[in-house]
Every structure is written in C-alpha cells, then in structure tokens.
Protein backbone atom coordinates (compact mmCIF):
# COMPACT_ATOMS: atom_id res chain seq x y z
CA ILE A 1 -7.75 39.25 11.98
CA GLU A 2 -6.72 42.81 12.07
CA ARG A 3 -9.29 43.73 14.64
CA GLU A 4 -8.15 40.75 16.60
CA TYR A 5 -4.54 41.87 16.24
CA ASN A 6 -5.20 45.24 17.42
CA GLU A 7 -6.98 44.14 20.51
CA LEU A 8 -3.96 42.02 21.39
CA LEU A 9 -1.60 45.23 20.95
CA LYS A 10 -3.68 46.94 23.63
CA THR A 11 -3.62 43.87 26.10
CA PRO A 12 -0.80 44.36 28.67
CA ALA A 13 1.90 41.55 28.09
CA ASP A 14 1.39 39.76 31.53
CA LYS A 15 -2.31 39.46 30.54
CA LEU A 16 -1.37 37.59 27.20
CA TRP A 17 0.15 34.43 28.57
CA THR A 18 0.35 32.81 31.94
CA PRO A 19 2.63 30.08 32.29
CA ARG A 20 1.43 26.93 33.66
CA GLN A 21 2.09 26.54 37.39
CA ASN A 22 3.17 22.75 37.59
CA ASN A 23 4.84 21.46 40.63
CA PRO A 24 8.45 20.52 39.74
CA PRO A 25 9.24 16.78 39.79
CA ARG A 26 10.99 15.53 42.98
CA TYR A 27 14.32 14.07 42.94
CA SER A 28 14.58 10.42 43.50
CA ASP A 29 17.26 7.90 42.81
CA ALA A 30 14.80 6.29 40.24
CA LEU A 31 14.58 9.56 38.34
CA ALA A 32 18.28 9.68 38.28
CA LYS A 33 18.97 6.07 37.14
CA GLN A 34 16.43 6.77 34.09
CA ALA A 35 18.20 9.68 33.27
CA ARG A 36 21.54 7.63 33.38
CA GLN A 37 19.99 4.96 31.24
CA LEU A 38 18.60 7.65 28.56
CA ILE A 39 22.02 9.02 28.48
CA ASP A 40 23.89 5.70 28.01
CA ALA A 41 21.48 4.74 25.21
CA LEU A 42 22.75 7.65 22.95
CA ASP A 43 24.77 6.32 20.17
CA SER A 44 28.21 7.54 19.22
CA ARG A 45 26.56 10.62 17.30
CA GLY A 46 24.28 11.51 20.42
CA ALA A 47 21.09 9.92 18.97
CA TRP A 48 18.63 7.52 20.13
CA VAL A 49 18.21 4.93 17.54
CA GLU A 50 15.97 1.85 17.31
CA GLU A 51 15.20 -0.80 14.82
CA GLY A 52 12.58 0.29 12.37
CA ARG A 53 11.37 1.01 8.73
CA LEU A 54 11.06 4.17 6.79
CA ARG A 55 7.89 4.91 5.11
CA TYR A 56 9.42 4.96 1.52
CA GLN A 57 10.77 1.48 1.82
CA GLY A 58 7.50 -0.01 0.54
CA ASP A 59 7.20 -3.77 0.78
CA ASP A 60 10.79 -4.03 1.78
CA ASP A 61 10.82 -6.15 5.21
CA ARG A 62 14.38 -5.10 6.24
CA THR A 63 14.82 -2.88 9.28
CA MET A 64 17.46 -0.38 9.65
CA GLN A 65 18.68 2.11 12.55
CA VAL A 66 15.96 4.87 12.90
CA ILE A 67 15.28 7.75 15.02
CA GLU A 68 11.86 7.70 16.00
CA SER A 69 10.35 11.04 16.91
CA GLN A 70 8.12 9.73 19.73
CA THR A 71 10.98 8.14 21.41
CA PHE A 72 12.99 11.22 21.02
CA SER A 73 10.26 13.43 22.46
CA ARG A 74 9.65 10.95 25.50
CA ASN A 75 13.27 10.80 26.20
CA ILE A 76 13.50 14.72 25.93
CA VAL A 77 10.59 14.98 28.67
CA ASN A 78 12.17 12.52 30.99
CA LEU A 79 15.31 14.25 31.07
CA ALA A 80 13.82 17.55 31.60
CA ARG A 81 11.98 16.11 34.34
CA TYR A 82 15.27 15.11 35.77
CA LEU A 83 16.75 18.49 35.30
CA GLY A 84 13.74 20.14 36.96
CA ALA A 85 14.23 18.01 39.96
CA LEU A 86 17.98 18.76 40.18
CA LYS A 87 17.18 22.41 40.03
CA SER A 88 14.60 22.44 42.66
CA ARG A 89 16.55 20.00 44.80
C-alpha cells in the first residue's frame, strides 16, 4: 500500500483521474415535464415517499409512507439530467 501511495504521489494530478466525457442530455418538453412531475411529487418536507414496509416490521402486513433509496436515486439522476439539459441549452 505504501509503495502504491508513493507512486501516486509522483503522478501528475491530471493523470490521476479523467472525467467521463458524456454528451449532455438534450432539452425537450418531455424532460421538462418529467422534472416538473418529480418536483410536484415531493411531500411537504421535500421527500419522495411511497407505500412500503420497513425491514424490522417482521410479519406485520401494514404499510406506511417510506423513502425508498432506489426511488430517491432515480429521481435525483433524472433531475440532474434536466439541469444538465438546461445548462447546455
């Protein structure tokens, strides 16, 4: 680990990491509509909630409002695409 660390110290910063060159998303009415729907779907706290169960509920069949990390991640990516499209517009 130390040897690898020392090699990295000698490496110029621009050679350590190269950002991915992605084409920015193109702005469209559909993309804007999707962003509006995501924003409108936020609850009063600013969270996306849905019916679900928590792992620790055991055999209890009741559902409650939960924040699903998969939904959160997907929505953030879609909003970021919209913002990227606006920036490149």
